[in-house]
Amino acid sequence: MNIQDLRDILLSVYLILGILLSITLIFGVIIALKAVLGLIKAAKRPIDKLGEASGSLMGDLVNPSKDGLSMSSVSFGIISFAASMLGRAIKRSFRKKSSKRKKKRR
C-alpha cells in the first residue's frame, strides 16, 4: 500500500462524510421549516379572532356616531350625570347633619 492509495481512501471517506452531513443538514432545515410553518398556522387563528373582535368593537363604537350621536348630546349626558351625582352628595350631607342634630337633642 503506497501513499496514493491512502490518500484516495481518506479522500473518499471525507467525501462520504461530507455528503452524509449535507443530507442530514438539509433534512434538519426541512423539519425546522415545517415546525415554524406549523407555529405560524397555529398563531393565525387567534390573531384572526382578535381582528374580528376588534372590528366588531370598532363597529359598535362607530355606528352610534353614524346614527346621530353628536358631541353636544354626549356632553349633555356627562353634565347631567355629574349634576345628579353632585345633587345626591349634597342631599346625603344634609341628611347626615340633620341626623346628628336629632341625636344631640335627645
C-alpha atoms as a PDB file:
ATOM      1  CA  MET A   1       0.000   0.000   0.000  1.00  0.00           C
ATOM      2  CA  ASN A   2       1.547   3.241  -1.051  1.00  0.00           C
ATOM      3  CA  ILE A   3       0.737   6.828  -0.119  1.00  0.00           C
ATOM      4  CA  GLN A   4      -1.511   7.480  -3.111  1.00  0.00           C
ATOM      5  CA  ASP A   5      -3.843   4.658  -2.140  1.00  0.00           C
ATOM      6  CA  LEU A   6      -4.077   6.002   1.418  1.00  0.00           C
ATOM      7  CA  ARG A   7      -4.762   9.455   0.047  1.00  0.00           C
ATOM      8  CA  ASP A   8      -7.562   8.127  -2.175  1.00  0.00           C
ATOM      9  CA  ILE A   9      -9.137   6.203   0.720  1.00  0.00           C
ATOM     10  CA  LEU A  10      -9.078   9.245   3.050  1.00  0.00           C
ATOM     11  CA  LEU A  11     -10.470  11.454   0.299  1.00  0.00           C
ATOM     12  CA  SER A  12     -13.315   9.002  -0.323  1.00  0.00           C
ATOM     13  CA  VAL A  13     -14.115   8.784   3.423  1.00  0.00           C
ATOM     14  CA  TYR A  14     -14.194  12.573   3.769  1.00  0.00           C
ATOM     15  CA  LEU A  15     -16.393  12.909   0.684  1.00  0.00           C
ATOM     16  CA  ILE A  16     -18.850  10.303   2.003  1.00  0.00           C
ATOM     17  CA  LEU A  17     -18.924  12.001   5.443  1.00  0.00           C
ATOM     18  CA  GLY A  18     -19.488  15.382   3.771  1.00  0.00           C
ATOM     19  CA  ILE A  19     -22.368  14.039   1.706  1.00  0.00           C
ATOM     20  CA  LEU A  20     -23.974  12.436   4.781  1.00  0.00           C
ATOM     21  CA  LEU A  21     -23.564  15.656   6.769  1.00  0.00           C
ATOM     22  CA  SER A  22     -25.098  17.692   3.948  1.00  0.00           C
ATOM     23  CA  ILE A  23     -28.094  15.359   3.702  1.00  0.00           C
ATOM     24  CA  THR A  24     -28.567  15.497   7.480  1.00  0.00           C
ATOM     25  CA  LEU A  25     -28.448  19.303   7.466  1.00  0.00           C
ATOM     26  CA  ILE A  26     -30.937  19.514   4.608  1.00  0.00           C
ATOM     27  CA  PHE A  27     -33.395  17.244   6.462  1.00  0.00           C
ATOM     28  CA  GLY A  28     -32.887  19.281   9.637  1.00  0.00           C
ATOM     29  CA  VAL A  29     -33.672  22.526   7.828  1.00  0.00           C
ATOM     30  CA  ILE A  30     -36.782  20.994   6.243  1.00  0.00           C
ATOM     31  CA  ILE A  31     -38.027  19.768   9.641  1.00  0.00           C
ATOM     32  CA  ALA A  32     -37.336  23.171  11.227  1.00  0.00           C
ATOM     33  CA  LEU A  33     -39.232  24.951   8.430  1.00  0.00           C
ATOM     34  CA  LYS A  34     -42.221  22.648   8.863  1.00  0.00           C
ATOM     35  CA  ALA A  35     -42.229  23.348  12.596  1.00  0.00           C
ATOM     36  CA  VAL A  36     -42.087  27.115  12.037  1.00  0.00           C
ATOM     37  CA  LEU A  37     -44.889  26.967   9.458  1.00  0.00           C
ATOM     38  CA  GLY A  38     -46.977  24.935  11.914  1.00  0.00           C
ATOM     39  CA  LEU A  39     -46.464  27.600  14.579  1.00  0.00           C
ATOM     40  CA  ILE A  40     -47.434  30.334  12.156  1.00  0.00           C
ATOM     41  CA  LYS A  41     -50.620  28.482  11.198  1.00  0.00           C
ATOM     42  CA  ALA A  42     -51.436  27.885  14.870  1.00  0.00           C
ATOM     43  CA  ALA A  43     -50.972  31.571  15.668  1.00  0.00           C
ATOM     44  CA  LYS A  44     -53.090  32.642  12.698  1.00  0.00           C
ATOM     45  CA  ARG A  45     -56.417  31.560  14.220  1.00  0.00           C
ATOM     46  CA  PRO A  46     -56.217  33.608  17.445  1.00  0.00           C
ATOM     47  CA  ILE A  47     -54.945  36.620  15.523  1.00  0.00           C
ATOM     48  CA  ASP A  48     -57.875  36.359  13.095  1.00  0.00           C
ATOM     49  CA  LYS A  49     -60.310  36.109  16.003  1.00  0.00           C
ATOM     50  CA  LEU A  50     -58.694  39.142  17.614  1.00  0.00           C
ATOM     51  CA  GLY A  51     -59.129  41.033  14.357  1.00  0.00           C
ATOM     52  CA  GLU A  52     -62.797  40.063  14.199  1.00  0.00           C
ATOM     53  CA  ALA A  53     -63.347  41.133  17.810  1.00  0.00           C
ATOM     54  CA  SER A  54     -61.657  44.481  17.326  1.00  0.00           C
ATOM     55  CA  GLY A  55     -63.609  45.010  14.100  1.00  0.00           C
ATOM     56  CA  SER A  56     -66.914  44.393  15.835  1.00  0.00           C
ATOM     57  CA  LEU A  57     -65.879  46.633  18.717  1.00  0.00           C
ATOM     58  CA  MET A  58     -64.988  49.422  16.318  1.00  0.00           C
ATOM     59  CA  GLY A  59     -68.303  48.871  14.571  1.00  0.00           C
ATOM     60  CA  ASP A  60     -70.114  49.230  17.885  1.00  0.00           C
ATOM     61  CA  LEU A  61     -68.271  52.469  18.569  1.00  0.00           C
ATOM     62  CA  VAL A  62     -68.628  53.975  15.115  1.00  0.00           C
ATOM     63  CA  ASN A  63     -72.251  53.026  14.401  1.00  0.00           C
ATOM     64  CA  PRO A  64     -73.760  55.207  17.156  1.00  0.00           C
ATOM     65  CA  SER A  65     -71.946  58.216  15.754  1.00  0.00           C
ATOM     66  CA  LYS A  66     -73.461  57.442  12.349  1.00  0.00           C
ATOM     67  CA  ASP A  67     -76.906  57.229  13.942  1.00  0.00           C
ATOM     68  CA  GLY A  68     -76.806  60.842  15.047  1.00  0.00           C
ATOM     69  CA  LEU A  69     -74.922  60.781  18.321  1.00  0.00           C
ATOM     70  CA  SER A  70     -73.308  64.192  18.485  1.00  0.00           C
ATOM     71  CA  MET A  71     -70.788  65.818  20.765  1.00  0.00           C
ATOM     72  CA  SER A  72     -73.481  68.020  22.265  1.00  0.00           C
ATOM     73  CA  SER A  73     -75.655  65.076  23.291  1.00  0.00           C
ATOM     74  CA  VAL A  74     -72.646  63.309  24.810  1.00  0.00           C
ATOM     75  CA  SER A  75     -71.581  66.415  26.716  1.00  0.00           C
ATOM     76  CA  PHE A  76     -75.169  66.974  27.901  1.00  0.00           C
ATOM     77  CA  GLY A  77     -75.249  63.393  29.194  1.00  0.00           C
ATOM     78  CA  ILE A  78     -71.969  63.857  31.047  1.00  0.00           C
ATOM     79  CA  ILE A  79     -73.094  67.160  32.575  1.00  0.00           C
ATOM     80  CA  SER A  80     -76.441  65.732  33.684  1.00  0.00           C
ATOM     81  CA  PHE A  81     -74.710  62.711  35.237  1.00  0.00           C
ATOM     82  CA  ALA A  82     -72.268  64.943  37.123  1.00  0.00           C
ATOM     83  CA  ALA A  83     -75.115  67.203  38.303  1.00  0.00           C
ATOM     84  CA  SER A  84     -77.124  64.269  39.599  1.00  0.00           C
ATOM     85  CA  MET A  85     -74.086  62.895  41.447  1.00  0.00           C
ATOM     86  CA  LEU A  86     -73.433  66.319  42.977  1.00  0.00           C
ATOM     87  CA  GLY A  87     -77.102  66.628  43.982  1.00  0.00           C
ATOM     88  CA  ARG A  88     -77.033  63.227  45.682  1.00  0.00           C
ATOM     89  CA  ALA A  89     -73.863  64.116  47.561  1.00  0.00           C
ATOM     90  CA  ILE A  90     -75.394  67.375  48.821  1.00  0.00           C
ATOM     91  CA  LYS A  91     -78.583  65.556  49.814  1.00  0.00           C
ATOM     92  CA  ARG A  92     -76.597  62.981  51.801  1.00  0.00           C
ATOM     93  CA  SER A  93     -74.616  65.662  53.598  1.00  0.00           C
ATOM     94  CA  PHE A  94     -77.864  67.387  54.679  1.00  0.00           C
ATOM     95  CA  ARG A  95     -79.247  64.064  55.906  1.00  0.00           C
ATOM     96  CA  LYS A  96     -76.133  63.430  57.982  1.00  0.00           C
ATOM     97  CA  LYS A  97     -76.265  66.908  59.525  1.00  0.00           C
ATOM     98  CA  SER A  98     -79.954  66.593  60.373  1.00  0.00           C
ATOM     99  CA  SER A  99     -79.482  63.149  61.915  1.00  0.00           C
ATOM    100  CA  LYS A 100     -76.617  64.471  64.094  1.00  0.00           C
ATOM    101  CA  ARG A 101     -78.828  67.359  65.286  1.00  0.00           C
ATOM    102  CA  LYS A 102     -81.620  64.937  66.215  1.00  0.00           C
ATOM    103  CA  LYS A 103     -79.203  62.817  68.228  1.00  0.00           C
ATOM    104  CA  LYS A 104     -77.942  65.893  70.150  1.00  0.00           C
ATOM    105  CA  ARG A 105     -81.494  66.949  71.067  1.00  0.00           C
ATOM    106  CA  ARG A 106     -82.274  63.614  72.712  1.00  0.00           C
END
